[in-house]
Amino acid sequence: MNRFSMLLLVGSLACKDKDAGPESEERTEDTATDTATEAFCSDVYAVTWNSFGQGFLFGNCNGCHAATAKNRHDAPESVTFDTVEEAWAWSSRILARATGDDPTMPPEGGVHEDDRIRLEWWLRCGETGT
């Protein structure tokens, strides 16, 4: 099932507003990015570390990205996903490498498209730290 179809299927559930605070001069995202994220997140399931993220990362990423991984297969030592805080610290990189039209992680593949979509919902639409 493609991403568009999946979004249509779950059109009745909204995600939390990731940037509910007031506008700030320190803000780095531009309005177009915010609008695109808002549109993407308007009708998706709420996904959290507890409901999805932890299981996904432990099952698909932590073979190389756990602090205790025996063979990291050249994964940088500093890139670990053992905790929700670490996952969120690397969220933009996880999104870039493990979601979208041409994901490169995990390098051996094997992740179902539905799980990649849920990963994107979590990291794009979820409240940071959840």
Protein backbone atom coordinates (compact mmCIF):
# COMPACT_ATOMS: atom_id res chain seq x y z
CA MET A 1 0.00 0.00 0.00
CA ASN A 2 1.47 3.38 -0.90
CA ARG A 3 1.89 6.27 1.52
CA PHE A 4 -1.07 8.23 0.13
CA SER A 5 -3.44 5.26 0.50
CA MET A 6 -2.25 4.65 4.05
CA LEU A 7 -2.90 8.28 4.99
CA LEU A 8 -6.40 8.10 3.54
CA LEU A 9 -7.15 4.98 5.58
CA VAL A 10 -6.38 6.68 8.85
CA GLY A 11 -7.92 10.05 8.12
CA SER A 12 -9.91 10.24 11.33
CA LEU A 13 -7.10 10.32 13.89
CA ALA A 14 -4.98 13.44 14.41
CA CYS A 15 -1.47 13.67 15.78
CA LYS A 16 -0.32 16.06 18.46
CA ASP A 17 0.95 19.48 17.45
CA LYS A 18 4.73 19.17 17.56
CA ASP A 19 5.31 22.92 17.92
CA ALA A 20 2.54 24.11 20.20
CA GLY A 21 4.63 26.88 21.77
CA PRO A 22 4.65 30.54 20.76
CA GLU A 23 6.72 31.74 17.82
CA SER A 24 10.39 32.31 18.67
CA GLU A 25 13.27 34.13 17.02
CA GLU A 26 15.36 31.00 17.62
CA ARG A 27 13.04 28.94 15.44
CA THR A 28 14.90 27.31 12.55
CA GLU A 29 12.07 25.78 10.51
CA ASP A 30 10.52 27.96 7.86
CA THR A 31 6.80 28.43 7.33
CA ALA A 32 6.70 26.19 4.25
CA THR A 33 8.23 23.30 6.20
CA ASP A 34 5.79 23.84 9.06
CA THR A 35 2.86 23.91 6.66
CA ALA A 36 4.00 20.71 4.95
CA THR A 37 4.46 18.95 8.29
CA GLU A 38 1.10 20.20 9.52
CA ALA A 39 -0.60 18.91 6.36
CA PHE A 40 1.22 15.56 6.60
CA CYS A 41 0.33 15.17 10.28
CA SER A 42 -3.27 16.34 10.10
CA ASP A 43 -4.78 12.86 9.82
CA VAL A 44 -2.40 10.21 11.13
CA TYR A 45 -2.37 7.84 14.06
CA ALA A 46 -0.58 9.06 17.18
CA VAL A 47 2.62 7.03 17.47
CA THR A 48 5.00 7.06 20.44
CA TRP A 49 8.19 5.44 21.67
CA ASN A 50 6.13 3.07 23.81
CA SER A 51 3.57 2.15 21.17
CA PHE A 52 5.98 1.76 18.25
CA GLY A 53 9.36 3.52 18.25
CA GLN A 54 11.19 1.39 20.78
CA GLY A 55 10.15 -1.89 19.19
CA PHE A 56 10.94 -0.63 15.71
CA LEU A 57 14.39 0.67 16.60
CA PHE A 58 15.31 -2.33 18.74
CA GLY A 59 14.18 -4.75 16.03
CA ASN A 60 15.53 -2.96 12.96
CA CYS A 61 18.30 -0.58 14.00
CA ASN A 62 19.94 -1.57 17.26
CA GLY A 63 21.82 -4.50 15.80
CA CYS A 64 24.27 -1.75 14.76
CA HIS A 65 23.02 1.28 16.72
CA ALA A 66 22.92 -0.01 20.30
CA ALA A 67 25.68 1.04 22.68
CA THR A 68 26.24 -2.67 23.40
CA ALA A 69 26.21 -3.87 19.76
CA LYS A 70 29.03 -6.39 19.27
CA ASN A 71 29.52 -5.60 15.58
CA ARG A 72 28.36 -2.13 14.59
CA HIS A 73 29.13 -2.69 10.89
CA ASP A 74 30.83 0.72 10.71
CA ALA A 75 27.95 2.58 12.41
CA PRO A 76 29.45 5.57 14.23
CA GLU A 77 29.97 4.89 17.95
CA SER A 78 28.06 8.06 18.87
CA VAL A 79 24.93 7.10 16.92
CA THR A 80 22.89 4.99 19.33
CA PHE A 81 19.14 4.55 19.71
CA ASP A 82 18.94 2.90 23.14
CA THR A 83 16.63 5.49 24.71
CA VAL A 84 13.79 7.72 23.60
CA GLU A 85 16.06 10.74 24.14
CA GLU A 86 18.73 9.32 21.84
CA ALA A 87 16.16 8.46 19.19
CA TRP A 88 14.77 11.99 19.24
CA ALA A 89 18.29 13.48 19.16
CA TRP A 90 18.85 11.60 15.89
CA SER A 91 15.28 11.96 14.58
CA SER A 92 16.09 14.07 11.52
CA ARG A 93 18.83 11.64 10.47
CA ILE A 94 16.60 8.61 11.10
CA LEU A 95 13.90 10.20 8.96
CA ALA A 96 16.37 10.94 6.17
CA ARG A 97 17.85 7.44 6.13
CA ALA A 98 14.92 5.16 7.02
CA THR A 99 11.84 6.78 5.45
CA GLY A 100 10.82 8.31 2.15
CA ASP A 101 10.92 6.94 -1.36
CA ASP A 102 14.46 5.52 -1.26
CA PRO A 103 15.42 4.54 2.31
CA THR A 104 19.01 3.39 2.87
CA MET A 105 18.62 2.01 6.40
CA PRO A 106 18.72 -0.66 7.43
CA PRO A 107 21.16 -1.50 4.63
CA GLU A 108 19.81 -5.03 4.27
CA GLY A 109 16.23 -3.72 3.95
CA GLY A 110 13.49 -5.99 5.18
CA VAL A 111 11.33 -3.29 6.78
CA HIS A 112 7.71 -3.29 5.67
CA GLU A 113 6.51 -0.03 4.11
CA ASP A 114 3.75 0.26 6.74
CA ASP A 115 6.39 0.29 9.48
CA ARG A 116 8.40 2.95 7.66
CA ILE A 117 5.26 5.07 7.47
CA ARG A 118 4.61 4.62 11.20
CA LEU A 119 8.24 5.61 11.87
CA GLU A 120 7.69 8.79 9.90
CA TRP A 121 4.43 9.52 11.74
CA TRP A 122 6.21 9.14 15.05
CA LEU A 123 9.21 11.34 14.27
CA ARG A 124 7.44 13.99 12.18
CA CYS A 125 4.14 14.22 14.04
CA GLY A 126 4.83 13.02 17.56
CA GLU A 127 5.65 15.20 20.50
CA THR A 128 9.42 15.30 21.01
CA GLY A 129 10.45 12.85 23.71
CA THR A 130 7.40 10.61 23.45
